[in-house]
Amino acid sequence: MQVNQYDNDRIGRILVTSRNVAVVGISDKHDRDSYRVARYLRENGFNIIPVNPGITSWEGIKSYPSLLDIPPEVKVDIVDVFRKPDTVIPVVNEASKIGAKVIWFQEGVINETAANNAKKLGMSVVMDRCMMKEHYKSRNRN
């Protein structure tokens, strides 16, 4: 099953209808992709929920050790994953438990088993795509 082949319209709809993004594997180091992507998303109207057990905050926002540590009153629309492909199956399970609608595996994060599990759990899946690049492209299509 090719779950990573979403067309531009569907990705565009996800980006328009989702505002709260839990970034799993976010870094507080400015030279890391996870930092740059999260900062871009925040500057473009997304609410960032940092998830990394190694940091206590990101850009002044409280960071959580795992998705399950995010308070239940905090709604998560998208779980944006910056982790090694062989570590993402537990992230999918946690995303499902907190009610996320979309799991977004960043460029290079390819795990068909995890993607298929996410689909079975009712989540939309975007895989091997950069959320920042997709947002930029969708804004500039016309």
N, C-alpha and C. Protein backbone atom coordinates (compact mmCIF):
# COMPACT_ATOMS: atom_id res chain seq x y z
N MET A 1 0.84 -1.18 0.00
CA MET A 1 0.00 0.00 0.00
C MET A 1 0.88 1.24 0.00
N GLN A 2 0.70 2.12 -0.94
CA GLN A 2 1.49 3.34 -1.05
C GLN A 2 0.78 4.47 -0.30
N VAL A 3 1.08 4.60 0.97
CA VAL A 3 0.39 5.61 1.77
C VAL A 3 1.06 6.97 1.68
N ASN A 4 2.21 7.04 1.05
CA ASN A 4 2.92 8.31 1.01
C ASN A 4 2.65 9.11 -0.26
N GLN A 5 1.77 8.66 -1.09
CA GLN A 5 1.54 9.32 -2.36
C GLN A 5 0.30 10.22 -2.31
N TYR A 6 0.34 11.23 -1.47
CA TYR A 6 -0.78 12.16 -1.39
C TYR A 6 -0.59 13.26 -2.42
N ASP A 7 -1.69 13.63 -3.04
CA ASP A 7 -1.59 14.70 -4.02
C ASP A 7 -1.51 16.05 -3.32
N ASN A 8 -1.12 17.05 -4.09
CA ASN A 8 -0.93 18.39 -3.53
C ASN A 8 -2.20 18.96 -2.92
N ASP A 9 -3.36 18.65 -3.50
CA ASP A 9 -4.61 19.17 -2.95
C ASP A 9 -4.87 18.62 -1.56
N ARG A 10 -4.65 17.33 -1.38
CA ARG A 10 -4.90 16.72 -0.07
C ARG A 10 -3.94 17.26 0.97
N ILE A 11 -2.67 17.38 0.62
CA ILE A 11 -1.70 17.96 1.55
C ILE A 11 -2.08 19.40 1.86
N GLY A 12 -2.50 20.14 0.85
CA GLY A 12 -2.94 21.52 1.06
C GLY A 12 -4.09 21.62 2.03
N ARG A 13 -5.07 20.69 1.90
CA ARG A 13 -6.21 20.68 2.83
C ARG A 13 -5.75 20.38 4.26
N ILE A 14 -4.83 19.45 4.41
CA ILE A 14 -4.31 19.14 5.75
C ILE A 14 -3.68 20.40 6.35
N LEU A 15 -2.89 21.09 5.57
CA LEU A 15 -2.19 22.27 6.08
C LEU A 15 -3.14 23.42 6.39
N VAL A 16 -4.26 23.51 5.69
CA VAL A 16 -5.23 24.58 5.94
C VAL A 16 -6.10 24.27 7.15
N THR A 17 -6.42 23.00 7.36
CA THR A 17 -7.37 22.64 8.42
C THR A 17 -6.71 22.28 9.74
N SER A 18 -5.39 22.24 9.79
CA SER A 18 -4.68 21.84 11.00
C SER A 18 -3.83 22.99 11.51
N ARG A 19 -3.88 23.25 12.80
CA ARG A 19 -3.11 24.36 13.37
C ARG A 19 -2.14 23.90 14.46
N ASN A 20 -2.46 22.82 15.16
CA ASN A 20 -1.67 22.40 16.31
C ASN A 20 -0.77 21.23 15.93
N VAL A 21 0.55 21.47 15.99
CA VAL A 21 1.53 20.51 15.49
C VAL A 21 2.47 20.11 16.62
N ALA A 22 2.41 18.83 16.99
CA ALA A 22 3.38 18.28 17.94
C ALA A 22 4.59 17.85 17.12
N VAL A 23 5.75 18.40 17.42
CA VAL A 23 6.97 18.10 16.68
C VAL A 23 7.80 17.14 17.51
N VAL A 24 7.79 15.87 17.10
CA VAL A 24 8.51 14.82 17.82
C VAL A 24 9.94 14.78 17.32
N GLY A 25 10.87 14.96 18.26
CA GLY A 25 12.28 15.00 17.90
C GLY A 25 12.77 16.41 17.64
N ILE A 26 12.01 17.40 18.10
CA ILE A 26 12.41 18.79 17.92
C ILE A 26 13.73 19.03 18.63
N SER A 27 14.53 19.91 18.06
CA SER A 27 15.81 20.25 18.65
C SER A 27 15.83 21.72 19.03
N ASP A 28 16.59 22.05 20.05
CA ASP A 28 16.79 23.45 20.40
C ASP A 28 18.06 24.00 19.75
N LYS A 29 18.67 23.20 18.88
CA LYS A 29 19.87 23.63 18.15
C LYS A 29 19.43 24.25 16.83
N HIS A 30 19.84 25.48 16.60
CA HIS A 30 19.38 26.27 15.45
C HIS A 30 19.77 25.67 14.10
N ASP A 31 20.79 24.83 14.06
CA ASP A 31 21.24 24.28 12.78
C ASP A 31 20.52 22.99 12.39
N ARG A 32 19.60 22.52 13.22
CA ARG A 32 18.90 21.27 12.94
C ARG A 32 17.63 21.53 12.14
N ASP A 33 17.32 20.58 11.25
CA ASP A 33 16.11 20.71 10.43
C ASP A 33 14.86 20.84 11.29
N SER A 34 14.78 20.06 12.36
CA SER A 34 13.57 20.11 13.20
C SER A 34 13.37 21.50 13.80
N TYR A 35 14.44 22.17 14.16
CA TYR A 35 14.34 23.52 14.69
C TYR A 35 13.85 24.48 13.60
N ARG A 36 14.48 24.41 12.43
CA ARG A 36 14.13 25.33 11.35
C ARG A 36 12.70 25.13 10.87
N VAL A 37 12.28 23.89 10.74
CA VAL A 37 10.91 23.61 10.28
C VAL A 37 9.90 24.11 11.30
N ALA A 38 10.13 23.79 12.58
CA ALA A 38 9.20 24.23 13.62
C ALA A 38 9.12 25.75 13.69
N ARG A 39 10.25 26.40 13.57
CA ARG A 39 10.25 27.86 13.62
C ARG A 39 9.47 28.45 12.44
N TYR A 40 9.70 27.91 11.25
CA TYR A 40 8.94 28.35 10.07
C TYR A 40 7.44 28.16 10.30
N LEU A 41 7.06 26.98 10.77
CA LEU A 41 5.64 26.70 10.98
C LEU A 41 5.05 27.68 11.99
N ARG A 42 5.77 27.92 13.08
CA ARG A 42 5.27 28.87 14.09
C ARG A 42 5.12 30.26 13.50
N GLU A 43 6.08 30.67 12.68
CA GLU A 43 6.02 32.00 12.06
C GLU A 43 4.89 32.09 11.02
N ASN A 44 4.34 30.95 10.63
CA ASN A 44 3.27 30.92 9.64
C ASN A 44 1.95 30.46 10.24
N GLY A 45 1.77 30.70 11.54
CA GLY A 45 0.47 30.53 12.17
C GLY A 45 0.17 29.20 12.82
N PHE A 46 1.13 28.28 12.83
CA PHE A 46 0.90 27.00 13.50
C PHE A 46 1.31 27.09 14.96
N ASN A 47 0.59 26.38 15.80
CA ASN A 47 0.95 26.27 17.21
C ASN A 47 1.87 25.06 17.35
N ILE A 48 3.06 25.27 17.87
CA ILE A 48 4.04 24.20 18.00
C ILE A 48 3.99 23.63 19.41
N ILE A 49 3.94 22.31 19.48
CA ILE A 49 3.99 21.59 20.75
C ILE A 49 5.27 20.74 20.70
N PRO A 50 6.33 21.20 21.36
CA PRO A 50 7.60 20.49 21.29
C PRO A 50 7.56 19.16 22.05
N VAL A 51 8.14 18.12 21.44
CA VAL A 51 8.22 16.81 22.07
C VAL A 51 9.64 16.29 21.92
N ASN A 52 10.35 16.25 23.04
CA ASN A 52 11.72 15.73 23.07
C ASN A 52 12.08 15.54 24.54
N PRO A 53 12.41 14.32 24.94
CA PRO A 53 12.75 14.09 26.35
C PRO A 53 14.06 14.77 26.78
N GLY A 54 14.84 15.24 25.82
CA GLY A 54 16.13 15.84 26.14
C GLY A 54 16.13 17.33 26.36
N ILE A 55 14.98 17.99 26.16
CA ILE A 55 14.91 19.43 26.38
C ILE A 55 13.67 19.76 27.22
N THR A 56 13.74 20.84 27.97
CA THR A 56 12.60 21.24 28.80
C THR A 56 11.73 22.28 28.11
N SER A 57 12.34 23.02 27.16
CA SER A 57 11.56 24.00 26.42
C SER A 57 12.22 24.25 25.07
N TRP A 58 11.40 24.78 24.17
CA TRP A 58 11.86 25.18 22.84
C TRP A 58 11.31 26.56 22.57
N GLU A 59 12.20 27.53 22.33
CA GLU A 59 11.77 28.90 22.05
C GLU A 59 10.78 29.41 23.10
N GLY A 60 11.00 29.04 24.36
CA GLY A 60 10.13 29.48 25.44
C GLY A 60 8.85 28.69 25.61
N ILE A 61 8.66 27.65 24.81
CA ILE A 61 7.46 26.81 24.89
C ILE A 61 7.83 25.51 25.60
N LYS A 62 7.05 25.11 26.59
CA LYS A 62 7.32 23.88 27.32
C LYS A 62 7.41 22.69 26.38
N SER A 63 8.44 21.88 26.58
CA SER A 63 8.61 20.67 25.79
C SER A 63 8.17 19.47 26.63
N TYR A 64 7.60 18.49 25.98
CA TYR A 64 7.12 17.28 26.65
C TYR A 64 8.01 16.10 26.29
N PRO A 65 8.24 15.19 27.25
CA PRO A 65 9.09 14.03 26.97
C PRO A 65 8.52 13.09 25.91
N SER A 66 7.19 12.99 25.85
CA SER A 66 6.55 12.12 24.86
C SER A 66 5.18 12.70 24.53
N LEU A 67 4.57 12.16 23.48
CA LEU A 67 3.22 12.62 23.12
C LEU A 67 2.24 12.36 24.26
N LEU A 68 2.42 11.26 24.98
CA LEU A 68 1.49 10.92 26.06
C LEU A 68 1.59 11.88 27.24
N ASP A 69 2.66 12.68 27.31
CA ASP A 69 2.82 13.66 28.39
C ASP A 69 2.15 15.00 28.08
N ILE A 70 1.67 15.17 26.86
CA ILE A 70 0.95 16.39 26.51
C ILE A 70 -0.39 16.36 27.24
N PRO A 71 -0.74 17.44 27.95
CA PRO A 71 -2.01 17.44 28.68
C PRO A 71 -3.20 17.18 27.75
N PRO A 72 -4.20 16.44 28.24
CA PRO A 72 -5.34 16.08 27.39
C PRO A 72 -6.11 17.28 26.83
N GLU A 73 -6.04 18.42 27.51
CA GLU A 73 -6.76 19.60 27.01
C GLU A 73 -6.04 20.27 25.82
N VAL A 74 -4.81 19.85 25.55
CA VAL A 74 -4.07 20.39 24.41
C VAL A 74 -4.38 19.53 23.18
N LYS A 75 -5.04 20.12 22.22
CA LYS A 75 -5.43 19.40 21.00
C LYS A 75 -4.23 19.31 20.06
N VAL A 76 -3.99 18.11 19.55
CA VAL A 76 -2.93 17.90 18.56
C VAL A 76 -3.58 17.47 17.26
N ASP A 77 -3.38 18.27 16.21
CA ASP A 77 -3.91 17.92 14.90
C ASP A 77 -2.93 17.05 14.12
N ILE A 78 -1.66 17.49 14.09
CA ILE A 78 -0.62 16.80 13.32
C ILE A 78 0.52 16.43 14.26
N VAL A 79 1.03 15.22 14.10
CA VAL A 79 2.27 14.83 14.75
C VAL A 79 3.33 14.80 13.65
N ASP A 80 4.26 15.74 13.73
CA ASP A 80 5.33 15.89 12.74
C ASP A 80 6.57 15.19 13.30
N VAL A 81 7.04 14.17 12.60
CA VAL A 81 8.04 13.25 13.16
C VAL A 81 9.42 13.46 12.54
N PHE A 82 10.37 13.80 13.41
CA PHE A 82 11.79 13.88 13.07
C PHE A 82 12.51 12.81 13.89
N ARG A 83 12.35 11.58 13.50
CA ARG A 83 13.00 10.47 14.19
C ARG A 83 13.51 9.49 13.15
N LYS A 84 14.40 8.60 13.57
CA LYS A 84 14.88 7.57 12.66
C LYS A 84 13.72 6.64 12.31
N PRO A 85 13.67 6.20 11.05
CA PRO A 85 12.55 5.37 10.60
C PRO A 85 12.28 4.14 11.46
N ASP A 86 13.31 3.53 12.01
CA ASP A 86 13.10 2.31 12.80
C ASP A 86 12.58 2.58 14.21
N THR A 87 12.34 3.84 14.56
CA THR A 87 11.86 4.19 15.90
C THR A 87 10.44 4.77 15.90
N VAL A 88 9.76 4.77 14.75
CA VAL A 88 8.52 5.54 14.67
C VAL A 88 7.23 4.77 14.98
N ILE A 89 7.29 3.46 15.06
CA ILE A 89 6.05 2.72 15.36
C ILE A 89 5.47 3.12 16.71
N PRO A 90 6.28 3.24 17.78
CA PRO A 90 5.69 3.72 19.04
C PRO A 90 5.11 5.14 18.93
N VAL A 91 5.70 5.97 18.10
CA VAL A 91 5.18 7.34 17.91
C VAL A 91 3.78 7.28 17.30
N VAL A 92 3.59 6.38 16.34
CA VAL A 92 2.26 6.21 15.73
C VAL A 92 1.25 5.80 16.80
N ASN A 93 1.60 4.86 17.64
CA ASN A 93 0.68 4.40 18.69
C ASN A 93 0.34 5.52 19.65
N GLU A 94 1.34 6.31 20.04
CA GLU A 94 1.08 7.44 20.94
C GLU A 94 0.21 8.49 20.25
N ALA A 95 0.49 8.76 18.98
CA ALA A 95 -0.30 9.75 18.24
C ALA A 95 -1.77 9.35 18.21
N SER A 96 -2.02 8.07 18.02
CA SER A 96 -3.39 7.58 18.01
C SER A 96 -4.05 7.77 19.37
N LYS A 97 -3.31 7.47 20.42
CA LYS A 97 -3.86 7.58 21.78
C LYS A 97 -4.22 9.01 22.16
N ILE A 98 -3.52 9.99 21.60
CA ILE A 98 -3.85 11.39 21.95
C ILE A 98 -4.83 12.01 20.96
N GLY A 99 -5.28 11.23 19.99
CA GLY A 99 -6.31 11.71 19.07
C GLY A 99 -5.82 12.53 17.89
N ALA A 100 -4.54 12.43 17.55
CA ALA A 100 -4.03 13.15 16.37
C ALA A 100 -4.72 12.64 15.12
N LYS A 101 -4.97 13.53 14.20
CA LYS A 101 -5.64 13.16 12.94
C LYS A 101 -4.65 12.84 11.83
N VAL A 102 -3.43 13.41 11.93
CA VAL A 102 -2.43 13.26 10.88
C VAL A 102 -1.09 12.91 11.50
N ILE A 103 -0.41 11.95 10.90
CA ILE A 103 0.99 11.71 11.24
C ILE A 103 1.80 12.07 10.02
N TRP A 104 2.79 12.92 10.22
CA TRP A 104 3.58 13.46 9.12
C TRP A 104 5.03 13.04 9.35
N PHE A 105 5.51 12.14 8.51
CA PHE A 105 6.90 11.70 8.58
C PHE A 105 7.74 12.58 7.67
N GLN A 106 8.69 13.28 8.25
CA GLN A 106 9.51 14.21 7.49
C GLN A 106 10.35 13.51 6.43
N GLU A 107 11.00 14.29 5.59
CA GLU A 107 11.85 13.74 4.53
C GLU A 107 12.85 12.75 5.13
N GLY A 108 12.95 11.61 4.50
CA GLY A 108 13.88 10.58 4.96
C GLY A 108 13.31 9.65 6.01
N VAL A 109 12.16 9.99 6.56
CA VAL A 109 11.51 9.13 7.56
C VAL A 109 10.50 8.26 6.82
N ILE A 110 10.96 7.08 6.41
CA ILE A 110 10.15 6.18 5.60
C ILE A 110 10.01 4.86 6.34
N ASN A 111 8.79 4.53 6.73
CA ASN A 111 8.52 3.27 7.41
C ASN A 111 7.10 2.86 7.01
N GLU A 112 7.01 1.98 6.02
CA GLU A 112 5.71 1.56 5.48
C GLU A 112 4.85 0.88 6.55
N THR A 113 5.49 0.09 7.43
CA THR A 113 4.73 -0.59 8.48
C THR A 113 4.08 0.43 9.41
N ALA A 114 4.85 1.43 9.82
CA ALA A 114 4.30 2.47 10.69
C ALA A 114 3.19 3.24 9.98
N ALA A 115 3.40 3.55 8.71
CA ALA A 115 2.38 4.27 7.94
C ALA A 115 1.10 3.46 7.82
N ASN A 116 1.24 2.18 7.53
CA ASN A 116 0.07 1.32 7.43
C ASN A 116 -0.65 1.21 8.77
N ASN A 117 0.11 1.11 9.86
CA ASN A 117 -0.49 1.07 11.20
C ASN A 117 -1.28 2.35 11.46
N ALA A 118 -0.71 3.48 11.09
CA ALA A 118 -1.38 4.76 11.30
C ALA A 118 -2.70 4.82 10.53
N LYS A 119 -2.67 4.34 9.28
CA LYS A 119 -3.91 4.31 8.48
C LYS A 119 -4.96 3.43 9.14
N LYS A 120 -4.54 2.27 9.63
CA LYS A 120 -5.47 1.35 10.30
C LYS A 120 -6.06 1.98 11.56
N LEU A 121 -5.29 2.87 12.19
CA LEU A 121 -5.76 3.55 13.40
C LEU A 121 -6.58 4.81 13.08
N GLY A 122 -6.80 5.05 11.78
CA GLY A 122 -7.68 6.15 11.37
C GLY A 122 -6.99 7.48 11.11
N MET A 123 -5.67 7.48 11.07
CA MET A 123 -4.96 8.73 10.82
C MET A 123 -4.60 8.87 9.34
N SER A 124 -4.57 10.11 8.88
CA SER A 124 -4.00 10.40 7.57
C SER A 124 -2.49 10.36 7.73
N VAL A 125 -1.80 9.96 6.65
CA VAL A 125 -0.36 9.82 6.70
C VAL A 125 0.27 10.59 5.54
N VAL A 126 1.29 11.37 5.87
CA VAL A 126 2.15 11.97 4.87
C VAL A 126 3.55 11.48 5.20
N MET A 127 4.25 10.93 4.20
CA MET A 127 5.55 10.33 4.48
C MET A 127 6.59 10.82 3.48
N ASP A 128 7.78 11.05 4.02
CA ASP A 128 8.94 11.46 3.22
C ASP A 128 8.69 12.81 2.53
N ARG A 129 8.01 13.69 3.25
CA ARG A 129 7.77 15.05 2.76
C ARG A 129 8.07 16.03 3.89
N CYS A 130 8.59 17.18 3.55
CA CYS A 130 8.88 18.22 4.54
C CYS A 130 7.66 19.12 4.69
N MET A 131 7.18 19.24 5.90
CA MET A 131 5.99 20.05 6.15
C MET A 131 6.23 21.52 5.79
N MET A 132 7.42 22.02 6.07
CA MET A 132 7.74 23.40 5.74
C MET A 132 7.72 23.60 4.22
N LYS A 133 8.36 22.72 3.48
CA LYS A 133 8.39 22.85 2.02
C LYS A 133 6.99 22.72 1.43
N GLU A 134 6.20 21.79 1.96
CA GLU A 134 4.84 21.61 1.44
C GLU A 134 3.97 22.83 1.74
N HIS A 135 4.13 23.41 2.92
CA HIS A 135 3.38 24.61 3.26
C HIS A 135 3.78 25.76 2.34
N TYR A 136 5.07 25.91 2.14
CA TYR A 136 5.55 26.98 1.26
C TYR A 136 5.01 26.80 -0.14
N LYS A 137 5.05 25.58 -0.67
CA LYS A 137 4.54 25.31 -2.02
C LYS A 137 3.05 25.60 -2.10
N SER A 138 2.29 25.17 -1.08
CA SER A 138 0.82 25.35 -1.14
C SER A 138 0.45 26.83 -1.06
N ARG A 139 1.24 27.62 -0.35
CA ARG A 139 0.99 29.06 -0.27
C ARG A 139 1.25 29.76 -1.59
N ASN A 140 2.18 29.22 -2.36
CA ASN A 140 2.63 29.88 -3.58
C ASN A 140 2.08 29.27 -4.84
N ARG A 141 1.10 28.36 -4.72
CA ARG A 141 0.44 27.80 -5.91
C ARG A 141 -0.64 28.74 -6.39
N ASN A 142 -0.57 29.20 -7.53
CA ASN A 142 -1.62 30.04 -8.13
C ASN A 142 -1.24 30.40 -9.53
